[in-house]
């Protein structure tokens, strides 16, 4: 049950009875005033909504700017680390270049001495493939004076020439070449056994000779070596299987 205070109810009724009656004009004014208040409230609400939308948009833009800043900050930090690493790498390269320059100052004269030594060695060695070997030395000497070729490439080519000379010492080779004699030049078959033995035999097999290193000249061999040298030439050319052959190998010298 609703409890109503009798005193308050009596006061309200008395107040309503005491109010003067509203005319039609007054009522119309009140309505218009109410409409103005409602329109003003609606306009205020629109401004509030627009401000809310602007605030939400600005907040979204602010968050986007923050994310972009964080991305740029991370990128900037990474670039900074990369720059520091590159600076360290450049410093290391500078030190290496300085070391290379100092190394080149010692390597260039060394290469010159190596080519001179190779030239002397070829001149004192058994006279096999003389033109090819002298041409190789001449190419190396010309190579040393070329500025368009790096020191590393020059050094590699010199080592390559030394490697070729080393291979001569452990290979068996047969080739046809020219022989200078008192009667002129003629073609002969050469047989090289490492650096230990060098022989030649004429193409008609009538003449066989061995290089005498001590005398520095060719020494004719007797008829007993004709067939063994022919067989050794066939073996060197892989026209026959490896076999034992009798050759005039010089006796080893006693070291003093």
C-alpha atoms as a PDB file:
ATOM      1  CA  UNK A   1       0.000   0.000   0.000  1.00  0.00           C
ATOM      2  CA  UNK A   2       1.275   3.529  -0.941  1.00  0.00           C
ATOM      3  CA  UNK A   3       1.777   5.807   2.104  1.00  0.00           C
ATOM      4  CA  UNK A   4       0.899   9.505   1.312  1.00  0.00           C
ATOM      5  CA  UNK A   5       1.565  12.347   3.696  1.00  0.00           C
ATOM      6  CA  UNK A   6      -1.829  14.177   4.181  1.00  0.00           C
ATOM      7  CA  UNK A   7      -0.112  17.476   4.878  1.00  0.00           C
ATOM      8  CA  UNK A   8       1.984  17.474   1.705  1.00  0.00           C
ATOM      9  CA  UNK A   9      -1.037  16.513  -0.421  1.00  0.00           C
ATOM     10  CA  UNK A  10      -3.082  19.382   1.020  1.00  0.00           C
ATOM     11  CA  UNK A  11      -0.252  21.863   0.246  1.00  0.00           C
ATOM     12  CA  UNK A  12       0.004  20.703  -3.389  1.00  0.00           C
ATOM     13  CA  UNK A  13      -3.743  21.005  -3.983  1.00  0.00           C
ATOM     14  CA  UNK A  14      -3.799  24.457  -2.434  1.00  0.00           C
ATOM     15  CA  UNK A  15      -0.910  25.558  -4.699  1.00  0.00           C
ATOM     16  CA  UNK A  16      -2.641  24.353  -7.825  1.00  0.00           C
ATOM     17  CA  UNK A  17      -5.840  26.128  -6.838  1.00  0.00           C
ATOM     18  CA  UNK A  18      -3.899  29.313  -6.172  1.00  0.00           C
ATOM     19  CA  UNK A  19      -2.238  29.359  -9.675  1.00  0.00           C
ATOM     20  CA  UNK A  20      -3.951  31.631 -12.198  1.00  0.00           C
ATOM     21  CA  UNK A  21      -5.392  29.918 -15.254  1.00  0.00           C
ATOM     22  CA  UNK A  22      -3.105  29.935 -18.401  1.00  0.00           C
ATOM     23  CA  UNK A  23      -4.387  31.690 -21.498  1.00  0.00           C
ATOM     24  CA  UNK A  24      -3.989  30.273 -25.055  1.00  0.00           C
ATOM     25  CA  UNK A  25      -1.304  32.863 -25.871  1.00  0.00           C
ATOM     26  CA  UNK A  26       0.654  32.005 -22.768  1.00  0.00           C
ATOM     27  CA  UNK A  27       0.376  28.315 -23.537  1.00  0.00           C
ATOM     28  CA  UNK A  28       1.609  28.913 -27.111  1.00  0.00           C
ATOM     29  CA  UNK A  29       4.610  30.841 -25.785  1.00  0.00           C
ATOM     30  CA  UNK A  30       5.465  28.070 -23.412  1.00  0.00           C
ATOM     31  CA  UNK A  31       5.302  25.551 -26.257  1.00  0.00           C
ATOM     32  CA  UNK A  32       7.533  27.674 -28.492  1.00  0.00           C
ATOM     33  CA  UNK A  33       9.991  28.157 -25.679  1.00  0.00           C
ATOM     34  CA  UNK A  34      10.003  24.432 -25.117  1.00  0.00           C
ATOM     35  CA  UNK A  35      10.643  23.874 -28.848  1.00  0.00           C
ATOM     36  CA  UNK A  36      13.609  26.299 -28.710  1.00  0.00           C
ATOM     37  CA  UNK A  37      14.977  24.454 -25.716  1.00  0.00           C
ATOM     38  CA  UNK A  38      14.595  21.132 -27.523  1.00  0.00           C
ATOM     39  CA  UNK A  39      16.237  22.493 -30.696  1.00  0.00           C
ATOM     40  CA  UNK A  40      19.084  23.937 -28.664  1.00  0.00           C
ATOM     41  CA  UNK A  41      19.438  20.604 -26.883  1.00  0.00           C
ATOM     42  CA  UNK A  42      19.451  18.763 -30.233  1.00  0.00           C
ATOM     43  CA  UNK A  43      22.086  21.144 -31.623  1.00  0.00           C
ATOM     44  CA  UNK A  44      24.158  20.695 -28.491  1.00  0.00           C
ATOM     45  CA  UNK A  45      23.851  16.935 -28.817  1.00  0.00           C
ATOM     46  CA  UNK A  46      25.022  17.157 -32.461  1.00  0.00           C
ATOM     47  CA  UNK A  47      28.025  19.212 -31.384  1.00  0.00           C
ATOM     48  CA  UNK A  48      28.715  16.722 -28.642  1.00  0.00           C
ATOM     49  CA  UNK A  49      28.462  13.832 -31.099  1.00  0.00           C
ATOM     50  CA  UNK A  50      30.721  15.635 -33.589  1.00  0.00           C
ATOM     51  CA  UNK A  51      33.226  16.396 -30.869  1.00  0.00           C
ATOM     52  CA  UNK A  52      33.079  12.762 -29.754  1.00  0.00           C
ATOM     53  CA  UNK A  53      33.708  11.607 -33.342  1.00  0.00           C
ATOM     54  CA  UNK A  54      36.581  14.089 -33.716  1.00  0.00           C
ATOM     55  CA  UNK A  55      38.034  12.958 -30.409  1.00  0.00           C
ATOM     56  CA  UNK A  56      37.787   9.298 -31.419  1.00  0.00           C
ATOM     57  CA  UNK A  57      39.395  10.044 -34.801  1.00  0.00           C
ATOM     58  CA  UNK A  58      42.194  12.043 -33.180  1.00  0.00           C
ATOM     59  CA  UNK A  59      42.753   9.239 -30.694  1.00  0.00           C
ATOM     60  CA  UNK A  60      43.027   6.710 -33.539  1.00  0.00           C
ATOM     61  CA  UNK A  61      45.459   8.998 -35.385  1.00  0.00           C
ATOM     62  CA  UNK A  62      47.466   9.446 -32.202  1.00  0.00           C
ATOM     63  CA  UNK A  63      47.700   5.682 -31.714  1.00  0.00           C
ATOM     64  CA  UNK A  64      48.762   5.292 -35.377  1.00  0.00           C
ATOM     65  CA  UNK A  65      51.437   7.960 -34.916  1.00  0.00           C
ATOM     66  CA  UNK A  66      52.673   6.159 -31.829  1.00  0.00           C
ATOM     67  CA  UNK A  67      52.943   2.880 -33.737  1.00  0.00           C
ATOM     68  CA  UNK A  68      54.754   4.633 -36.614  1.00  0.00           C
ATOM     69  CA  UNK A  69      57.104   6.278 -34.155  1.00  0.00           C
ATOM     70  CA  UNK A  70      57.837   2.950 -32.512  1.00  0.00           C
ATOM     71  CA  UNK A  71      58.525   1.372 -35.930  1.00  0.00           C
ATOM     72  CA  UNK A  72      60.768   4.277 -36.971  1.00  0.00           C
ATOM     73  CA  UNK A  73      62.566   4.173 -33.633  1.00  0.00           C
ATOM     74  CA  UNK A  74      63.285   0.475 -34.044  1.00  0.00           C
ATOM     75  CA  UNK A  75      64.471   1.052 -37.626  1.00  0.00           C
ATOM     76  CA  UNK A  76      66.636   3.969 -36.521  1.00  0.00           C
ATOM     77  CA  UNK A  77      68.205   1.850 -33.775  1.00  0.00           C
ATOM     78  CA  UNK A  78      68.877  -0.944 -36.261  1.00  0.00           C
ATOM     79  CA  UNK A  79      70.443   1.487 -38.759  1.00  0.00           C
ATOM     80  CA  UNK A  80      72.580   2.930 -36.000  1.00  0.00           C
ATOM     81  CA  UNK A  81      73.846  -0.542 -35.084  1.00  0.00           C
ATOM     82  CA  UNK A  82      74.465  -1.281 -38.763  1.00  0.00           C
ATOM     83  CA  UNK A  83      76.424   1.956 -39.187  1.00  0.00           C
ATOM     84  CA  UNK A  84      78.550   1.144 -36.142  1.00  0.00           C
ATOM     85  CA  UNK A  85      79.193  -2.343 -37.524  1.00  0.00           C
ATOM     86  CA  UNK A  86      80.139  -0.913 -40.924  1.00  0.00           C
ATOM     87  CA  UNK A  87      82.465   1.594 -39.292  1.00  0.00           C
ATOM     88  CA  UNK A  88      84.179  -1.254 -37.465  1.00  0.00           C
ATOM     89  CA  UNK A  89      84.377  -3.247 -40.712  1.00  0.00           C
ATOM     90  CA  UNK A  90      85.878  -0.268 -42.552  1.00  0.00           C
ATOM     91  CA  UNK A  91      88.446   0.157 -39.810  1.00  0.00           C
ATOM     92  CA  UNK A  92      89.344  -3.540 -40.108  1.00  0.00           C
ATOM     93  CA  UNK A  93      89.621  -3.203 -43.899  1.00  0.00           C
ATOM     94  CA  UNK A  94      91.876  -0.178 -43.501  1.00  0.00           C
ATOM     95  CA  UNK A  95      94.129  -2.206 -41.223  1.00  0.00           C
ATOM     96  CA  UNK A  96      94.143  -5.081 -43.711  1.00  0.00           C
ATOM     97  CA  UNK A  97      94.950  -2.736 -46.592  1.00  0.00           C
ATOM     98  CA  UNK A  98      97.817  -1.314 -44.618  1.00  0.00           C
ATOM     99  CA  UNK A  99      99.049  -4.850 -43.973  1.00  0.00           C
ATOM    100  CA  UNK A 100      98.633  -5.754 -47.648  1.00  0.00           C
ATOM    101  CA  UNK A 101     100.617  -2.710 -48.708  1.00  0.00           C
ATOM    102  CA  UNK A 102     103.413  -3.690 -46.368  1.00  0.00           C
ATOM    103  CA  UNK A 103     103.222  -7.273 -47.613  1.00  0.00           C
ATOM    104  CA  UNK A 104     103.387  -6.155 -51.243  1.00  0.00           C
ATOM    105  CA  UNK A 105     106.553  -4.228 -50.527  1.00  0.00           C
ATOM    106  CA  UNK A 106     108.160  -7.535 -49.637  1.00  0.00           C
ATOM    107  CA  UNK A 107     106.334  -9.749 -52.146  1.00  0.00           C
ATOM    108  CA  UNK A 108     107.154  -7.749 -55.289  1.00  0.00           C
ATOM    109  CA  UNK A 109     110.940  -8.099 -54.939  1.00  0.00           C
ATOM    110  CA  UNK A 110     110.473 -11.741 -53.961  1.00  0.00           C
ATOM    111  CA  UNK A 111     108.548 -12.434 -57.172  1.00  0.00           C
ATOM    112  CA  UNK A 112     111.339 -10.857 -59.194  1.00  0.00           C
ATOM    113  CA  UNK A 113     113.896 -13.127 -57.541  1.00  0.00           C
ATOM    114  CA  UNK A 114     111.666 -16.166 -58.102  1.00  0.00           C
ATOM    115  CA  UNK A 115     111.452 -15.469 -61.846  1.00  0.00           C
ATOM    116  CA  UNK A 116     115.222 -14.923 -62.062  1.00  0.00           C
ATOM    117  CA  UNK A 117     115.824 -18.204 -60.223  1.00  0.00           C
ATOM    118  CA  UNK A 118     113.445 -20.025 -62.539  1.00  0.00           C
ATOM    119  CA  UNK A 119     115.221 -18.599 -65.577  1.00  0.00           C
ATOM    120  CA  UNK A 120     118.608 -19.785 -64.304  1.00  0.00           C
ATOM    121  CA  UNK A 121     117.191 -23.189 -63.426  1.00  0.00           C
ATOM    122  CA  UNK A 122     115.769 -23.686 -66.927  1.00  0.00           C
ATOM    123  CA  UNK A 123     119.114 -22.686 -68.459  1.00  0.00           C
ATOM    124  CA  UNK A 124     121.018 -25.210 -66.308  1.00  0.00           C
ATOM    125  CA  UNK A 125     118.457 -28.019 -66.527  1.00  0.00           C
ATOM    126  CA  UNK A 126     118.202 -30.770 -69.132  1.00  0.00           C
ATOM    127  CA  UNK A 127     117.423 -29.133 -72.495  1.00  0.00           C
ATOM    128  CA  UNK A 128     113.904 -30.520 -72.940  1.00  0.00           C
ATOM    129  CA  UNK A 129     111.086 -28.368 -74.307  1.00  0.00           C
ATOM    130  CA  UNK A 130     113.504 -25.418 -74.406  1.00  0.00           C
ATOM    131  CA  UNK A 131     111.331 -23.027 -76.405  1.00  0.00           C
ATOM    132  CA  UNK A 132     108.222 -23.671 -74.319  1.00  0.00           C
ATOM    133  CA  UNK A 133     110.032 -23.240 -71.018  1.00  0.00           C
ATOM    134  CA  UNK A 134     111.951 -20.129 -72.102  1.00  0.00           C
ATOM    135  CA  UNK A 135     108.719 -18.609 -73.406  1.00  0.00           C
ATOM    136  CA  UNK A 136     107.041 -19.259 -70.043  1.00  0.00           C
ATOM    137  CA  UNK A 137     109.847 -17.450 -68.225  1.00  0.00           C
ATOM    138  CA  UNK A 138     109.706 -14.545 -70.695  1.00  0.00           C
ATOM    139  CA  UNK A 139     105.945 -14.217 -70.133  1.00  0.00           C
ATOM    140  CA  UNK A 140     106.492 -14.095 -66.371  1.00  0.00           C
ATOM    141  CA  UNK A 141     109.126 -11.373 -66.717  1.00  0.00           C
ATOM    142  CA  UNK A 142     106.750  -9.310 -68.851  1.00  0.00           C
ATOM    143  CA  UNK A 143     103.944  -9.986 -66.376  1.00  0.00           C
ATOM    144  CA  UNK A 144     105.862  -8.419 -63.505  1.00  0.00           C
ATOM    145  CA  UNK A 145     105.900  -5.024 -65.279  1.00  0.00           C
ATOM    146  CA  UNK A 146     102.163  -4.921 -65.996  1.00  0.00           C
ATOM    147  CA  UNK A 147     100.131  -2.540 -63.830  1.00  0.00           C
ATOM    148  CA  UNK A 148      96.747  -3.948 -64.900  1.00  0.00           C
ATOM    149  CA  UNK A 149      97.369  -7.274 -63.176  1.00  0.00           C
ATOM    150  CA  UNK A 150      97.169  -7.625 -59.404  1.00  0.00           C
ATOM    151  CA  UNK A 151     100.042  -8.780 -57.271  1.00  0.00           C
ATOM    152  CA  UNK A 152      98.016 -11.825 -56.223  1.00  0.00           C
ATOM    153  CA  UNK A 153      97.513 -12.862 -59.860  1.00  0.00           C
ATOM    154  CA  UNK A 154     101.205 -12.384 -60.649  1.00  0.00           C
ATOM    155  CA  UNK A 155     102.186 -14.493 -57.648  1.00  0.00           C
ATOM    156  CA  UNK A 156      99.687 -17.194 -58.655  1.00  0.00           C
ATOM    157  CA  UNK A 157     101.111 -17.363 -62.175  1.00  0.00           C
ATOM    158  CA  UNK A 158     104.662 -17.677 -60.850  1.00  0.00           C
ATOM    159  CA  UNK A 159     103.657 -20.489 -58.504  1.00  0.00           C
ATOM    160  CA  UNK A 160     101.875 -22.162 -61.398  1.00  0.00           C
ATOM    161  CA  UNK A 161     105.095 -22.075 -63.446  1.00  0.00           C
ATOM    162  CA  UNK A 162     107.016 -23.594 -60.524  1.00  0.00           C
ATOM    163  CA  UNK A 163     104.362 -26.296 -60.252  1.00  0.00           C
ATOM    164  CA  UNK A 164     104.786 -27.161 -63.938  1.00  0.00           C
ATOM    165  CA  UNK A 165     108.564 -27.460 -63.465  1.00  0.00           C
ATOM    166  CA  UNK A 166     108.043 -29.684 -60.438  1.00  0.00           C
ATOM    167  CA  UNK A 167     105.792 -31.990 -62.468  1.00  0.00           C
ATOM    168  CA  UNK A 168     108.596 -32.496 -64.996  1.00  0.00           C
ATOM    169  CA  UNK A 169     110.634 -34.188 -62.265  1.00  0.00           C
ATOM    170  CA  UNK A 170     108.191 -37.069 -61.771  1.00  0.00           C
ATOM    171  CA  UNK A 171     106.765 -37.739 -65.223  1.00  0.00           C
ATOM    172  CA  UNK A 172     107.720 -39.724 -68.316  1.00  0.00           C
ATOM    173  CA  UNK A 173     107.275 -37.843 -71.575  1.00  0.00           C
ATOM    174  CA  UNK A 174     107.834 -38.439 -75.289  1.00  0.00           C
ATOM    175  CA  UNK A 175     107.502 -35.690 -77.882  1.00  0.00           C
ATOM    176  CA  UNK A 176     108.768 -34.814 -81.339  1.00  0.00           C
ATOM    177  CA  UNK A 177     110.896 -31.714 -81.674  1.00  0.00           C
ATOM    178  CA  UNK A 178     113.688 -30.036 -83.581  1.00  0.00           C
ATOM    179  CA  UNK A 179     117.378 -30.829 -82.975  1.00  0.00           C
ATOM    180  CA  UNK A 180     120.124 -28.404 -83.938  1.00  0.00           C
ATOM    181  CA  UNK A 181     123.121 -30.268 -85.431  1.00  0.00           C
ATOM    182  CA  UNK A 182     126.205 -29.369 -87.446  1.00  0.00           C
ATOM    183  CA  UNK A 183     124.283 -30.441 -90.532  1.00  0.00           C
ATOM    184  CA  UNK A 184     121.292 -28.251 -89.680  1.00  0.00           C
ATOM    185  CA  UNK A 185     117.973 -28.789 -87.882  1.00  0.00           C
ATOM    186  CA  UNK A 186     116.112 -32.057 -88.057  1.00  0.00           C
ATOM    187  CA  UNK A 187     113.124 -33.648 -86.367  1.00  0.00           C
ATOM    188  CA  UNK A 188     113.742 -36.303 -83.711  1.00  0.00           C
ATOM    189  CA  UNK A 189     111.782 -38.121 -81.000  1.00  0.00           C
ATOM    190  CA  UNK A 190     112.708 -36.993 -77.487  1.00  0.00           C
ATOM    191  CA  UNK A 191     112.339 -39.165 -74.391  1.00  0.00           C
ATOM    192  CA  UNK A 192     112.425 -37.559 -70.953  1.00  0.00           C
ATOM    193  CA  UNK A 193     112.553 -39.634 -67.790  1.00  0.00           C
ATOM    194  CA  UNK A 194     111.852 -37.149 -65.002  1.00  0.00           C
ATOM    195  CA  UNK A 195     114.859 -34.889 -64.722  1.00  0.00           C
ATOM    196  CA  UNK A 196     117.182 -37.835 -64.604  1.00  0.00           C
ATOM    197  CA  UNK A 197     117.489 -38.727 -68.269  1.00  0.00           C
ATOM    198  CA  UNK A 198     116.959 -37.106 -71.669  1.00  0.00           C
ATOM    199  CA  UNK A 199     117.440 -39.000 -74.916  1.00  0.00           C
ATOM    200  CA  UNK A 200     116.590 -38.557 -78.544  1.00  0.00           C
ATOM    201  CA  UNK A 201     116.198 -40.952 -81.449  1.00  0.00           C
ATOM    202  CA  UNK A 202     115.963 -40.015 -85.090  1.00  0.00           C
ATOM    203  CA  UNK A 203     112.706 -40.740 -86.856  1.00  0.00           C
ATOM    204  CA  UNK A 204     114.386 -43.509 -88.868  1.00  0.00           C
ATOM    205  CA  UNK A 205     115.644 -45.081 -85.571  1.00  0.00           C
ATOM    206  CA  UNK A 206     119.227 -45.127 -86.851  1.00  0.00           C
ATOM    207  CA  UNK A 207     120.655 -42.708 -84.326  1.00  0.00           C
ATOM    208  CA  UNK A 208     120.138 -42.625 -80.554  1.00  0.00           C
ATOM    209  CA  UNK A 209     121.810 -40.237 -78.135  1.00  0.00           C
ATOM    210  CA  UNK A 210     121.668 -39.208 -74.465  1.00  0.00           C
ATOM    211  CA  UNK A 211     122.265 -35.793 -72.952  1.00  0.00           C
ATOM    212  CA  UNK A 212     125.535 -35.682 -70.998  1.00  0.00           C
ATOM    213  CA  UNK A 213     124.904 -33.093 -68.292  1.00  0.00           C
ATOM    214  CA  UNK A 214     128.522 -33.078 -67.150  1.00  0.00           C
ATOM    215  CA  UNK A 215     129.807 -32.336 -70.664  1.00  0.00           C
ATOM    216  CA  UNK A 216     126.795 -30.255 -71.647  1.00  0.00           C
ATOM    217  CA  UNK A 217     126.349 -32.069 -74.988  1.00  0.00           C
ATOM    218  CA  UNK A 218     124.692 -35.041 -76.666  1.00  0.00           C
ATOM    219  CA  UNK A 219     126.514 -38.383 -76.563  1.00  0.00           C
ATOM    220  CA  UNK A 220     125.772 -41.029 -79.194  1.00  0.00           C
ATOM    221  CA  UNK A 221     124.709 -44.432 -77.921  1.00  0.00           C
ATOM    222  CA  UNK A 222     125.589 -47.754 -79.498  1.00  0.00           C
ATOM    223  CA  UNK A 223     123.131 -49.940 -81.387  1.00  0.00           C
ATOM    224  CA  UNK A 224     122.182 -51.901 -78.255  1.00  0.00           C
ATOM    225  CA  UNK A 225     120.012 -48.979 -77.028  1.00  0.00           C
ATOM    226  CA  UNK A 226     118.038 -48.553 -80.248  1.00  0.00           C
ATOM    227  CA  UNK A 227     115.220 -50.998 -79.439  1.00  0.00           C
ATOM    228  CA  UNK A 228     114.996 -50.195 -75.686  1.00  0.00           C
ATOM    229  CA  UNK A 229     114.610 -46.491 -76.497  1.00  0.00           C
ATOM    230  CA  UNK A 230     111.992 -47.305 -79.157  1.00  0.00           C
ATOM    231  CA  UNK A 231     110.073 -49.333 -76.567  1.00  0.00           C
ATOM    232  CA  UNK A 232     110.388 -46.600 -73.928  1.00  0.00           C
ATOM    233  CA  UNK A 233     109.012 -44.048 -76.420  1.00  0.00           C
ATOM    234  CA  UNK A 234     105.998 -46.286 -77.042  1.00  0.00           C
ATOM    235  CA  UNK A 235     105.430 -46.654 -73.288  1.00  0.00           C
ATOM    236  CA  UNK A 236     105.682 -42.894 -72.749  1.00  0.00           C
ATOM    237  CA  UNK A 237     103.106 -42.353 -75.501  1.00  0.00           C
ATOM    238  CA  UNK A 238     100.872 -45.015 -73.939  1.00  0.00           C
ATOM    239  CA  UNK A 239     101.131 -47.130 -77.042  1.00  0.00           C
ATOM    240  CA  UNK A 240     102.486 -50.023 -74.950  1.00  0.00           C
ATOM    241  CA  UNK A 241     101.957 -51.192 -71.359  1.00  0.00           C
ATOM    242  CA  UNK A 242     104.539 -50.243 -68.714  1.00  0.00           C
ATOM    243  CA  UNK A 243     107.550 -52.534 -68.724  1.00  0.00           C
ATOM    244  CA  UNK A 244     111.194 -52.646 -67.698  1.00  0.00           C
ATOM    245  CA  UNK A 245     113.550 -51.274 -70.335  1.00  0.00           C
ATOM    246  CA  UNK A 246     117.307 -50.876 -70.390  1.00  0.00           C
ATOM    247  CA  UNK A 247     118.326 -47.214 -70.501  1.00  0.00           C
ATOM    248  CA  UNK A 248     121.687 -45.479 -69.877  1.00  0.00           C
ATOM    249  CA  UNK A 249     120.865 -43.997 -66.497  1.00  0.00           C
ATOM    250  CA  UNK A 250     123.841 -42.027 -65.113  1.00  0.00           C
ATOM    251  CA  UNK A 251     125.345 -43.246 -61.868  1.00  0.00           C
ATOM    252  CA  UNK A 252     124.615 -41.059 -58.830  1.00  0.00           C
ATOM    253  CA  UNK A 253     127.373 -38.720 -57.777  1.00  0.00           C
ATOM    254  CA  UNK A 254     128.902 -38.987 -54.330  1.00  0.00           C
ATOM    255  CA  UNK A 255     128.150 -35.908 -52.281  1.00  0.00           C
ATOM    256  CA  UNK A 256     131.182 -34.148 -50.876  1.00  0.00           C
END
